[in-house]
Amino acid sequence: MSADTSSDDCEDTREAIMKATYRALRDNGTADLTIQNIADEFEKSKSLLYYHYETKDDLLVEFLGWLIDRNAEFLDSDDVETTVEFVEAMIPPEVDEERAGFRAAFVQMRAEAASDPDYREQFTLYDRLFRETLVELIERDIEAGRLRAVDVDALADVLLSTIDGAMLRYATTDDDVMPTTREGVDRLLASLRGDE
């Protein structure tokens, strides 16, 4: 077997583990998550999980890195070319059950960042990716005349904090805050449109 084939197999296994972890998190959250939950979603053996990751936390920290990479690909795609498209992707008017389950698990993992430096490092990278993307999109929108000149850094922070707050409230209360939050952000961006 060539080195390239071995590397491909390792990458395929990693991808399969990350997707299994996503499904297990979506269905179980982090508090009740076990390696067995992930193994149940994984097509290969449970021992292979332990071969690659010593603990559940090791796996979850790696999962956050994988999630950052996936989001970077999405944010760099043709689907997100304006600030409005970014908002549409992050604050949908309705959240399906699968996305809701994962958002709850994501909030639980984020809470770990308050006391765990490995989680904090990953969430710092995650936030920086989203903030840098927002800054670029806002600057592009200003240059194209879709937004008036604004303090780009301040607007990026307001939008990111609003998105994070909506996700936190959606995951931790019985109130559906997505539609009203989205309406508020849409109004904010409308007030900043360059054509008004």
N, C-alpha and C. Protein backbone atom coordinates (compact mmCIF):
# COMPACT_ATOMS: atom_id res chain seq x y z
N MET A 1 0.85 -1.19 0.00
CA MET A 1 0.00 0.00 0.00
C MET A 1 0.89 1.24 0.00
N SER A 2 0.57 2.18 -0.86
CA SER A 2 1.39 3.39 -0.95
C SER A 2 1.09 4.33 0.21
N ALA A 3 1.98 5.28 0.43
CA ALA A 3 1.78 6.27 1.50
C ALA A 3 0.54 7.11 1.22
N ASP A 4 0.30 7.42 -0.07
CA ASP A 4 -0.88 8.21 -0.43
C ASP A 4 -2.17 7.48 -0.09
N THR A 5 -2.21 6.17 -0.36
CA THR A 5 -3.40 5.37 -0.05
C THR A 5 -3.62 5.33 1.44
N SER A 6 -2.54 5.14 2.21
CA SER A 6 -2.64 5.11 3.67
C SER A 6 -3.14 6.44 4.20
N SER A 7 -2.62 7.53 3.65
CA SER A 7 -3.04 8.86 4.07
C SER A 7 -4.52 9.10 3.75
N ASP A 8 -4.95 8.65 2.56
CA ASP A 8 -6.36 8.77 2.18
C ASP A 8 -7.25 7.98 3.12
N ASP A 9 -6.82 6.75 3.46
CA ASP A 9 -7.60 5.91 4.38
C ASP A 9 -7.74 6.58 5.73
N CYS A 10 -6.63 7.17 6.21
CA CYS A 10 -6.64 7.86 7.51
C CYS A 10 -7.59 9.05 7.48
N GLU A 11 -7.56 9.81 6.37
CA GLU A 11 -8.44 10.97 6.23
C GLU A 11 -9.90 10.54 6.12
N ASP A 12 -10.15 9.45 5.40
CA ASP A 12 -11.52 8.92 5.30
C ASP A 12 -12.03 8.48 6.66
N THR A 13 -11.16 7.85 7.44
CA THR A 13 -11.55 7.40 8.78
C THR A 13 -11.84 8.61 9.67
N ARG A 14 -10.99 9.62 9.60
CA ARG A 14 -11.21 10.84 10.39
C ARG A 14 -12.55 11.47 10.03
N GLU A 15 -12.82 11.58 8.74
CA GLU A 15 -14.08 12.18 8.27
C GLU A 15 -15.28 11.37 8.79
N ALA A 16 -15.16 10.05 8.73
CA ALA A 16 -16.25 9.20 9.21
C ALA A 16 -16.45 9.37 10.72
N ILE A 17 -15.36 9.50 11.46
CA ILE A 17 -15.46 9.71 12.92
C ILE A 17 -16.11 11.06 13.22
N MET A 18 -15.71 12.09 12.49
CA MET A 18 -16.27 13.43 12.73
C MET A 18 -17.77 13.46 12.41
N LYS A 19 -18.18 12.82 11.33
CA LYS A 19 -19.61 12.78 10.98
C LYS A 19 -20.40 11.98 12.01
N ALA A 20 -19.81 10.89 12.49
CA ALA A 20 -20.46 10.10 13.55
C ALA A 20 -20.59 10.92 14.83
N THR A 21 -19.56 11.70 15.12
CA THR A 21 -19.59 12.57 16.31
C THR A 21 -20.68 13.62 16.17
N TYR A 22 -20.80 14.21 14.98
CA TYR A 22 -21.86 15.19 14.73
C TYR A 22 -23.23 14.57 15.01
N ARG A 23 -23.49 13.39 14.47
CA ARG A 23 -24.80 12.75 14.66
C ARG A 23 -25.04 12.41 16.13
N ALA A 24 -24.00 11.93 16.81
CA ALA A 24 -24.14 11.59 18.22
C ALA A 24 -24.39 12.83 19.08
N LEU A 25 -23.70 13.92 18.77
CA LEU A 25 -23.93 15.18 19.49
C LEU A 25 -25.34 15.69 19.25
N ARG A 26 -25.77 15.66 18.01
CA ARG A 26 -27.11 16.13 17.64
C ARG A 26 -28.18 15.36 18.42
N ASP A 27 -27.98 14.07 18.59
CA ASP A 27 -29.00 13.23 19.22
C ASP A 27 -28.89 13.14 20.73
N ASN A 28 -27.69 13.39 21.28
CA ASN A 28 -27.47 13.17 22.71
C ASN A 28 -27.03 14.40 23.49
N GLY A 29 -26.56 15.47 22.80
CA GLY A 29 -25.95 16.58 23.52
C GLY A 29 -24.60 16.16 24.06
N THR A 30 -23.96 17.02 24.83
CA THR A 30 -22.63 16.66 25.35
C THR A 30 -22.69 16.03 26.73
N ALA A 31 -23.67 16.42 27.54
CA ALA A 31 -23.74 15.91 28.91
C ALA A 31 -23.90 14.39 28.92
N ASP A 32 -24.71 13.85 28.03
CA ASP A 32 -24.97 12.41 27.99
C ASP A 32 -24.16 11.69 26.92
N LEU A 33 -23.29 12.40 26.25
CA LEU A 33 -22.53 11.80 25.15
C LEU A 33 -21.49 10.83 25.69
N THR A 34 -21.41 9.66 25.08
CA THR A 34 -20.39 8.68 25.42
C THR A 34 -19.68 8.25 24.13
N ILE A 35 -18.54 7.61 24.30
CA ILE A 35 -17.84 7.05 23.15
C ILE A 35 -18.75 6.01 22.49
N GLN A 36 -19.54 5.31 23.30
CA GLN A 36 -20.45 4.31 22.74
C GLN A 36 -21.49 4.96 21.82
N ASN A 37 -22.00 6.14 22.21
CA ASN A 37 -22.94 6.86 21.33
C ASN A 37 -22.30 7.13 19.97
N ILE A 38 -21.05 7.55 20.01
CA ILE A 38 -20.34 7.85 18.76
C ILE A 38 -20.10 6.55 17.99
N ALA A 39 -19.69 5.49 18.71
CA ALA A 39 -19.46 4.20 18.06
C ALA A 39 -20.73 3.68 17.39
N ASP A 40 -21.88 3.95 18.00
CA ASP A 40 -23.16 3.51 17.41
C ASP A 40 -23.43 4.19 16.08
N GLU A 41 -22.86 5.39 15.90
CA GLU A 41 -23.04 6.14 14.65
C GLU A 41 -21.91 5.89 13.65
N PHE A 42 -20.89 5.15 14.11
CA PHE A 42 -19.67 4.94 13.33
C PHE A 42 -19.73 3.57 12.67
N GLU A 43 -19.39 3.49 11.40
CA GLU A 43 -19.51 2.24 10.65
C GLU A 43 -18.42 1.23 10.99
N LYS A 44 -17.34 1.71 11.60
CA LYS A 44 -16.23 0.81 11.91
C LYS A 44 -16.23 0.48 13.40
N SER A 45 -15.17 -0.09 13.88
CA SER A 45 -15.15 -0.59 15.25
C SER A 45 -14.93 0.52 16.28
N LYS A 46 -15.46 0.26 17.47
CA LYS A 46 -15.27 1.19 18.58
C LYS A 46 -13.78 1.30 18.94
N SER A 47 -13.05 0.20 18.79
CA SER A 47 -11.62 0.23 19.13
C SER A 47 -10.86 1.21 18.23
N LEU A 48 -11.36 1.42 17.02
CA LEU A 48 -10.72 2.39 16.13
C LEU A 48 -10.86 3.81 16.67
N LEU A 49 -11.99 4.09 17.33
CA LEU A 49 -12.15 5.40 17.98
C LEU A 49 -11.08 5.58 19.05
N TYR A 50 -10.89 4.55 19.87
CA TYR A 50 -9.89 4.66 20.94
C TYR A 50 -8.47 4.67 20.39
N TYR A 51 -8.28 4.09 19.22
CA TYR A 51 -6.96 4.13 18.59
C TYR A 51 -6.58 5.57 18.24
N HIS A 52 -7.57 6.34 17.79
CA HIS A 52 -7.32 7.72 17.35
C HIS A 52 -7.47 8.75 18.48
N TYR A 53 -8.30 8.45 19.48
CA TYR A 53 -8.59 9.43 20.55
C TYR A 53 -8.60 8.73 21.90
N GLU A 54 -7.81 9.27 22.83
CA GLU A 54 -7.72 8.66 24.15
C GLU A 54 -8.98 8.89 24.97
N THR A 55 -9.56 10.10 24.84
CA THR A 55 -10.73 10.44 25.65
C THR A 55 -11.81 11.08 24.79
N LYS A 56 -12.98 11.17 25.35
CA LYS A 56 -14.09 11.85 24.66
C LYS A 56 -13.75 13.32 24.43
N ASP A 57 -13.11 13.96 25.40
CA ASP A 57 -12.75 15.37 25.24
C ASP A 57 -11.73 15.55 24.10
N ASP A 58 -10.77 14.63 23.99
CA ASP A 58 -9.83 14.71 22.87
C ASP A 58 -10.58 14.68 21.54
N LEU A 59 -11.55 13.79 21.46
CA LEU A 59 -12.33 13.67 20.23
C LEU A 59 -13.14 14.93 19.97
N LEU A 60 -13.76 15.49 21.02
CA LEU A 60 -14.59 16.68 20.85
C LEU A 60 -13.76 17.91 20.47
N VAL A 61 -12.57 18.03 21.02
CA VAL A 61 -11.70 19.15 20.64
C VAL A 61 -11.30 19.01 19.17
N GLU A 62 -10.98 17.80 18.75
CA GLU A 62 -10.68 17.54 17.33
C GLU A 62 -11.91 17.83 16.47
N PHE A 63 -13.08 17.47 16.97
CA PHE A 63 -14.32 17.71 16.24
C PHE A 63 -14.52 19.22 16.01
N LEU A 64 -14.23 20.02 17.02
CA LEU A 64 -14.36 21.47 16.86
C LEU A 64 -13.43 21.99 15.78
N GLY A 65 -12.21 21.45 15.71
CA GLY A 65 -11.29 21.84 14.65
C GLY A 65 -11.84 21.46 13.28
N TRP A 66 -12.42 20.28 13.19
CA TRP A 66 -13.04 19.83 11.94
C TRP A 66 -14.20 20.74 11.56
N LEU A 67 -14.98 21.13 12.56
CA LEU A 67 -16.13 22.01 12.32
C LEU A 67 -15.67 23.38 11.82
N ILE A 68 -14.58 23.88 12.36
CA ILE A 68 -14.01 25.15 11.89
C ILE A 68 -13.65 25.03 10.41
N ASP A 69 -12.99 23.92 10.05
CA ASP A 69 -12.62 23.72 8.64
C ASP A 69 -13.84 23.66 7.74
N ARG A 70 -14.87 22.96 8.17
CA ARG A 70 -16.10 22.86 7.37
C ARG A 70 -16.77 24.22 7.22
N ASN A 71 -16.81 24.98 8.30
CA ASN A 71 -17.41 26.31 8.22
C ASN A 71 -16.58 27.25 7.35
N ALA A 72 -15.27 27.11 7.41
CA ALA A 72 -14.41 27.94 6.56
C ALA A 72 -14.71 27.68 5.09
N GLU A 73 -14.91 26.41 4.74
CA GLU A 73 -15.26 26.06 3.35
C GLU A 73 -16.59 26.68 2.96
N PHE A 74 -17.58 26.58 3.86
CA PHE A 74 -18.90 27.13 3.58
C PHE A 74 -18.84 28.65 3.44
N LEU A 75 -18.15 29.30 4.37
CA LEU A 75 -18.08 30.76 4.34
C LEU A 75 -17.31 31.28 3.14
N ASP A 76 -16.45 30.44 2.58
CA ASP A 76 -15.68 30.83 1.40
C ASP A 76 -16.38 30.45 0.09
N SER A 77 -17.59 29.90 0.21
CA SER A 77 -18.31 29.43 -0.98
C SER A 77 -19.13 30.55 -1.61
N ASP A 78 -19.72 30.23 -2.75
CA ASP A 78 -20.57 31.20 -3.45
C ASP A 78 -21.89 31.46 -2.70
N ASP A 79 -22.19 30.62 -1.69
CA ASP A 79 -23.43 30.79 -0.93
C ASP A 79 -23.37 31.98 0.02
N VAL A 80 -22.17 32.45 0.35
CA VAL A 80 -22.01 33.54 1.31
C VAL A 80 -21.10 34.60 0.71
N GLU A 81 -21.71 35.53 -0.03
CA GLU A 81 -20.93 36.58 -0.68
C GLU A 81 -21.28 37.98 -0.16
N THR A 82 -22.31 38.09 0.69
CA THR A 82 -22.71 39.38 1.25
C THR A 82 -23.01 39.21 2.73
N THR A 83 -23.08 40.31 3.43
CA THR A 83 -23.44 40.29 4.85
C THR A 83 -24.83 39.71 5.04
N VAL A 84 -25.75 40.06 4.16
CA VAL A 84 -27.13 39.54 4.25
C VAL A 84 -27.13 38.02 4.11
N GLU A 85 -26.36 37.48 3.18
CA GLU A 85 -26.30 36.02 3.01
C GLU A 85 -25.70 35.35 4.24
N PHE A 86 -24.73 35.99 4.86
CA PHE A 86 -24.15 35.47 6.10
C PHE A 86 -25.24 35.38 7.17
N VAL A 87 -25.99 36.47 7.34
CA VAL A 87 -27.06 36.50 8.34
C VAL A 87 -28.11 35.44 8.03
N GLU A 88 -28.48 35.31 6.77
CA GLU A 88 -29.49 34.31 6.38
C GLU A 88 -29.04 32.90 6.76
N ALA A 89 -27.75 32.62 6.60
CA ALA A 89 -27.23 31.29 6.93
C ALA A 89 -27.17 31.06 8.44
N MET A 90 -26.84 32.10 9.20
CA MET A 90 -26.64 31.95 10.64
C MET A 90 -27.93 32.07 11.46
N ILE A 91 -28.87 32.88 10.97
CA ILE A 91 -30.13 33.09 11.70
C ILE A 91 -31.29 32.77 10.76
N PRO A 92 -31.54 31.48 10.54
CA PRO A 92 -32.67 31.14 9.68
C PRO A 92 -33.98 31.46 10.38
N PRO A 93 -35.03 31.83 9.63
CA PRO A 93 -36.31 32.13 10.27
C PRO A 93 -36.88 30.93 11.01
N GLU A 94 -36.58 29.72 10.51
CA GLU A 94 -37.01 28.49 11.18
C GLU A 94 -35.81 27.57 11.29
N VAL A 95 -35.76 26.82 12.40
CA VAL A 95 -34.65 25.90 12.62
C VAL A 95 -35.22 24.49 12.62
N ASP A 96 -34.69 23.63 11.73
CA ASP A 96 -35.21 22.27 11.70
C ASP A 96 -34.69 21.49 12.91
N GLU A 97 -35.29 20.32 13.13
CA GLU A 97 -35.00 19.55 14.34
C GLU A 97 -33.54 19.13 14.41
N GLU A 98 -32.97 18.75 13.28
CA GLU A 98 -31.56 18.33 13.27
C GLU A 98 -30.66 19.49 13.68
N ARG A 99 -30.89 20.64 13.08
CA ARG A 99 -30.05 21.80 13.38
C ARG A 99 -30.25 22.25 14.83
N ALA A 100 -31.48 22.14 15.32
CA ALA A 100 -31.77 22.53 16.71
C ALA A 100 -31.00 21.63 17.68
N GLY A 101 -31.00 20.32 17.40
CA GLY A 101 -30.29 19.39 18.27
C GLY A 101 -28.80 19.67 18.31
N PHE A 102 -28.23 19.97 17.15
CA PHE A 102 -26.81 20.25 17.13
C PHE A 102 -26.49 21.58 17.78
N ARG A 103 -27.34 22.59 17.57
CA ARG A 103 -27.09 23.90 18.19
C ARG A 103 -27.06 23.78 19.71
N ALA A 104 -27.94 22.96 20.27
CA ALA A 104 -27.94 22.76 21.72
C ALA A 104 -26.62 22.14 22.18
N ALA A 105 -26.14 21.15 21.44
CA ALA A 105 -24.87 20.52 21.78
C ALA A 105 -23.72 21.50 21.63
N PHE A 106 -23.79 22.34 20.62
CA PHE A 106 -22.74 23.34 20.38
C PHE A 106 -22.66 24.31 21.55
N VAL A 107 -23.80 24.75 22.04
CA VAL A 107 -23.83 25.65 23.20
C VAL A 107 -23.24 24.96 24.42
N GLN A 108 -23.55 23.67 24.59
CA GLN A 108 -22.98 22.93 25.72
C GLN A 108 -21.46 22.85 25.61
N MET A 109 -20.95 22.61 24.41
CA MET A 109 -19.49 22.58 24.23
C MET A 109 -18.88 23.94 24.49
N ARG A 110 -19.59 24.98 24.04
CA ARG A 110 -19.06 26.34 24.24
C ARG A 110 -18.94 26.65 25.73
N ALA A 111 -19.86 26.15 26.53
CA ALA A 111 -19.80 26.37 27.98
C ALA A 111 -18.51 25.77 28.57
N GLU A 112 -18.04 24.68 27.96
CA GLU A 112 -16.80 24.06 28.42
C GLU A 112 -15.61 25.00 28.27
N ALA A 113 -15.70 25.92 27.31
CA ALA A 113 -14.59 26.84 27.05
C ALA A 113 -14.33 27.79 28.21
N ALA A 114 -15.31 27.94 29.09
CA ALA A 114 -15.13 28.82 30.25
C ALA A 114 -14.08 28.27 31.21
N SER A 115 -13.88 26.94 31.21
CA SER A 115 -12.93 26.36 32.17
C SER A 115 -11.89 25.45 31.53
N ASP A 116 -12.04 25.12 30.25
CA ASP A 116 -11.11 24.20 29.60
C ASP A 116 -10.34 24.94 28.51
N PRO A 117 -9.00 25.07 28.66
CA PRO A 117 -8.22 25.84 27.69
C PRO A 117 -8.24 25.25 26.28
N ASP A 118 -8.37 23.94 26.14
CA ASP A 118 -8.42 23.33 24.80
C ASP A 118 -9.69 23.73 24.07
N TYR A 119 -10.81 23.71 24.77
CA TYR A 119 -12.07 24.15 24.18
C TYR A 119 -12.00 25.66 23.87
N ARG A 120 -11.44 26.41 24.81
CA ARG A 120 -11.33 27.87 24.62
C ARG A 120 -10.52 28.20 23.37
N GLU A 121 -9.43 27.48 23.16
CA GLU A 121 -8.60 27.71 21.98
C GLU A 121 -9.41 27.48 20.70
N GLN A 122 -10.18 26.39 20.66
CA GLN A 122 -10.96 26.09 19.46
C GLN A 122 -12.06 27.13 19.24
N PHE A 123 -12.74 27.54 20.30
CA PHE A 123 -13.80 28.53 20.14
C PHE A 123 -13.24 29.91 19.80
N THR A 124 -12.03 30.20 20.25
CA THR A 124 -11.37 31.45 19.85
C THR A 124 -11.12 31.43 18.34
N LEU A 125 -10.63 30.31 17.83
CA LEU A 125 -10.40 30.17 16.39
C LEU A 125 -11.72 30.26 15.62
N TYR A 126 -12.75 29.61 16.17
CA TYR A 126 -14.07 29.61 15.54
C TYR A 126 -14.62 31.04 15.44
N ASP A 127 -14.56 31.76 16.54
CA ASP A 127 -15.04 33.15 16.55
C ASP A 127 -14.24 34.03 15.61
N ARG A 128 -12.93 33.84 15.58
CA ARG A 128 -12.09 34.66 14.70
C ARG A 128 -12.43 34.41 13.24
N LEU A 129 -12.69 33.15 12.89
CA LEU A 129 -13.09 32.83 11.52
C LEU A 129 -14.36 33.58 11.14
N PHE A 130 -15.36 33.52 12.01
CA PHE A 130 -16.63 34.17 11.70
C PHE A 130 -16.49 35.69 11.70
N ARG A 131 -15.72 36.23 12.63
CA ARG A 131 -15.55 37.68 12.68
C ARG A 131 -14.78 38.19 11.47
N GLU A 132 -13.70 37.50 11.12
CA GLU A 132 -12.92 37.92 9.95
C GLU A 132 -13.76 37.84 8.68
N THR A 133 -14.59 36.79 8.58
CA THR A 133 -15.47 36.68 7.42
C THR A 133 -16.45 37.84 7.38
N LEU A 134 -17.05 38.16 8.52
CA LEU A 134 -17.98 39.28 8.58
C LEU A 134 -17.30 40.59 8.21
N VAL A 135 -16.12 40.83 8.72
CA VAL A 135 -15.39 42.06 8.38
C VAL A 135 -15.18 42.15 6.87
N GLU A 136 -14.74 41.05 6.26
CA GLU A 136 -14.53 41.04 4.81
C GLU A 136 -15.83 41.31 4.05
N LEU A 137 -16.92 40.67 4.49
CA LEU A 137 -18.20 40.84 3.80
C LEU A 137 -18.72 42.27 3.94
N ILE A 138 -18.61 42.83 5.13
CA ILE A 138 -19.06 44.21 5.35
C ILE A 138 -18.24 45.17 4.49
N GLU A 139 -16.92 44.98 4.49
CA GLU A 139 -16.06 45.85 3.66
C GLU A 139 -16.43 45.72 2.19
N ARG A 140 -16.69 44.50 1.73
CA ARG A 140 -17.08 44.27 0.34
C ARG A 140 -18.42 44.95 0.04
N ASP A 141 -19.36 44.85 0.99
CA ASP A 141 -20.68 45.48 0.80
C ASP A 141 -20.57 47.01 0.76
N ILE A 142 -19.71 47.57 1.58
CA ILE A 142 -19.50 49.03 1.56
C ILE A 142 -18.90 49.44 0.22
N GLU A 143 -17.90 48.69 -0.22
CA GLU A 143 -17.23 49.01 -1.49
C GLU A 143 -18.21 48.91 -2.67
N ALA A 144 -19.14 47.94 -2.60
CA ALA A 144 -20.11 47.74 -3.69
C ALA A 144 -21.33 48.66 -3.56
N GLY A 145 -21.38 49.44 -2.48
CA GLY A 145 -22.51 50.35 -2.29
C GLY A 145 -23.75 49.69 -1.70
N ARG A 146 -23.58 48.46 -1.19
CA ARG A 146 -24.72 47.77 -0.57
C ARG A 146 -24.92 48.19 0.88
N LEU A 147 -23.88 48.75 1.48
CA LEU A 147 -23.97 49.31 2.84
C LEU A 147 -23.28 50.67 2.84
N ARG A 148 -23.81 51.57 3.68
CA ARG A 148 -23.12 52.85 3.88
C ARG A 148 -21.84 52.61 4.66
N ALA A 149 -20.95 53.58 4.62
CA ALA A 149 -19.72 53.49 5.40
C ALA A 149 -20.07 53.42 6.87
N VAL A 150 -19.53 52.42 7.56
CA VAL A 150 -19.77 52.22 8.99
C VAL A 150 -18.46 51.81 9.64
N ASP A 151 -18.47 51.75 10.95
CA ASP A 151 -17.34 51.19 11.69
C ASP A 151 -17.44 49.67 11.49
N VAL A 152 -16.61 49.15 10.62
CA VAL A 152 -16.71 47.74 10.21
C VAL A 152 -16.51 46.80 11.39
N ASP A 153 -15.51 47.07 12.22
CA ASP A 153 -15.24 46.20 13.37
C ASP A 153 -16.42 46.17 14.35
N ALA A 154 -16.98 47.34 14.60
CA ALA A 154 -18.11 47.41 15.54
C ALA A 154 -19.31 46.66 14.99
N LEU A 155 -19.63 46.83 13.71
CA LEU A 155 -20.77 46.13 13.12
C LEU A 155 -20.55 44.63 13.12
N ALA A 156 -19.33 44.18 12.81
CA ALA A 156 -19.03 42.74 12.84
C ALA A 156 -19.25 42.17 14.24
N ASP A 157 -18.78 42.90 15.27
CA ASP A 157 -18.96 42.43 16.65
C ASP A 157 -20.43 42.40 17.05
N VAL A 158 -21.19 43.42 16.66
CA VAL A 158 -22.62 43.45 16.99
C VAL A 158 -23.33 42.27 16.33
N LEU A 159 -23.06 42.04 15.05
CA LEU A 159 -23.73 40.95 14.35
C LEU A 159 -23.33 39.59 14.92
N LEU A 160 -22.06 39.39 15.18
CA LEU A 160 -21.61 38.11 15.73
C LEU A 160 -22.18 37.87 17.12
N SER A 161 -22.20 38.90 17.96
CA SER A 161 -22.76 38.75 19.30
C SER A 161 -24.27 38.49 19.24
N THR A 162 -24.94 39.11 18.29
CA THR A 162 -26.37 38.88 18.13
C THR A 162 -26.64 37.45 17.69
N ILE A 163 -25.85 36.96 16.74
CA ILE A 163 -26.00 35.58 16.27
C ILE A 163 -25.74 34.59 17.41
N ASP A 164 -24.64 34.80 18.15
CA ASP A 164 -24.32 33.92 19.27
C ASP A 164 -25.41 33.98 20.35
N GLY A 165 -25.89 35.18 20.63
CA GLY A 165 -26.95 35.33 21.63
C GLY A 165 -28.23 34.64 21.22
N ALA A 166 -28.58 34.74 19.94
CA ALA A 166 -29.79 34.07 19.45
C ALA A 166 -29.64 32.56 19.57
N MET A 167 -28.44 32.05 19.24
CA MET A 167 -28.20 30.61 19.35
C MET A 167 -28.29 30.16 20.81
N LEU A 168 -27.70 30.93 21.72
CA LEU A 168 -27.74 30.60 23.14
C LEU A 168 -29.17 30.60 23.66
N ARG A 169 -29.92 31.63 23.34
CA ARG A 169 -31.31 31.73 23.81
C ARG A 169 -32.18 30.64 23.20
N TYR A 170 -31.97 30.34 21.93
CA TYR A 170 -32.75 29.30 21.27
C TYR A 170 -32.50 27.94 21.92
N ALA A 171 -31.23 27.68 22.28
CA ALA A 171 -30.86 26.38 22.85
C ALA A 171 -31.21 26.24 24.32
N THR A 172 -31.41 27.36 25.03
CA THR A 172 -31.56 27.27 26.49
C THR A 172 -32.89 27.78 27.02
N THR A 173 -33.80 28.17 26.13
CA THR A 173 -35.13 28.58 26.58
C THR A 173 -36.18 27.92 25.70
N ASP A 174 -37.44 28.07 26.09
CA ASP A 174 -38.54 27.54 25.29
C ASP A 174 -39.04 28.56 24.28
N ASP A 175 -38.40 29.72 24.23
CA ASP A 175 -38.84 30.78 23.33
C ASP A 175 -38.14 30.65 21.98
N ASP A 176 -38.90 30.82 20.91
CA ASP A 176 -38.33 30.79 19.57
C ASP A 176 -37.92 32.21 19.19
N VAL A 177 -36.66 32.53 19.44
CA VAL A 177 -36.18 33.89 19.24
C VAL A 177 -35.65 34.15 17.83
N MET A 178 -35.54 33.10 17.03
CA MET A 178 -34.94 33.26 15.70
C MET A 178 -35.71 34.25 14.81
N PRO A 179 -37.04 34.13 14.68
CA PRO A 179 -37.73 35.06 13.77
C PRO A 179 -37.59 36.53 14.16
N THR A 180 -37.73 36.83 15.46
CA THR A 180 -37.65 38.24 15.86
C THR A 180 -36.22 38.76 15.80
N THR A 181 -35.25 37.89 16.13
CA THR A 181 -33.85 38.30 16.02
C THR A 181 -33.50 38.57 14.57
N ARG A 182 -33.94 37.69 13.70
CA ARG A 182 -33.67 37.86 12.26
C ARG A 182 -34.31 39.16 11.76
N GLU A 183 -35.54 39.42 12.21
CA GLU A 183 -36.22 40.65 11.80
C GLU A 183 -35.44 41.88 12.25
N GLY A 184 -34.94 41.83 13.49
CA GLY A 184 -34.17 42.96 14.01
C GLY A 184 -32.88 43.18 13.24
N VAL A 185 -32.18 42.09 12.91
CA VAL A 185 -30.93 42.21 12.15
C VAL A 185 -31.22 42.70 10.73
N ASP A 186 -32.30 42.18 10.13
CA ASP A 186 -32.67 42.64 8.79
C ASP A 186 -32.95 44.14 8.79
N ARG A 187 -33.63 44.63 9.83
CA ARG A 187 -33.93 46.07 9.92
C ARG A 187 -32.65 46.88 10.11
N LEU A 188 -31.75 46.36 10.93
CA LEU A 188 -30.47 47.04 11.13
C LEU A 188 -29.73 47.17 9.80
N LEU A 189 -29.63 46.07 9.07
CA LEU A 189 -28.92 46.12 7.80
C LEU A 189 -29.64 46.99 6.78
N ALA A 190 -30.98 46.97 6.80
CA ALA A 190 -31.75 47.84 5.89
C ALA A 190 -31.44 49.30 6.18
N SER A 191 -31.28 49.65 7.48
CA SER A 191 -31.01 51.04 7.82
C SER A 191 -29.61 51.47 7.38
N LEU A 192 -28.76 50.49 7.10
CA LEU A 192 -27.38 50.78 6.69
C LEU A 192 -27.17 50.63 5.19
N ARG A 193 -28.22 50.36 4.47
CA ARG A 193 -28.08 50.17 3.02
C ARG A 193 -27.62 51.46 2.37
N GLY A 194 -26.75 51.32 1.42
CA GLY A 194 -26.18 52.46 0.74
C GLY A 194 -27.15 53.20 -0.14
N ASP A 195 -28.27 52.56 -0.50
CA ASP A 195 -29.20 53.21 -1.42
C ASP A 195 -30.30 53.98 -0.71
N GLU A 196 -30.24 54.05 0.61
CA GLU A 196 -31.29 54.75 1.36
C GLU A 196 -30.78 56.06 1.90
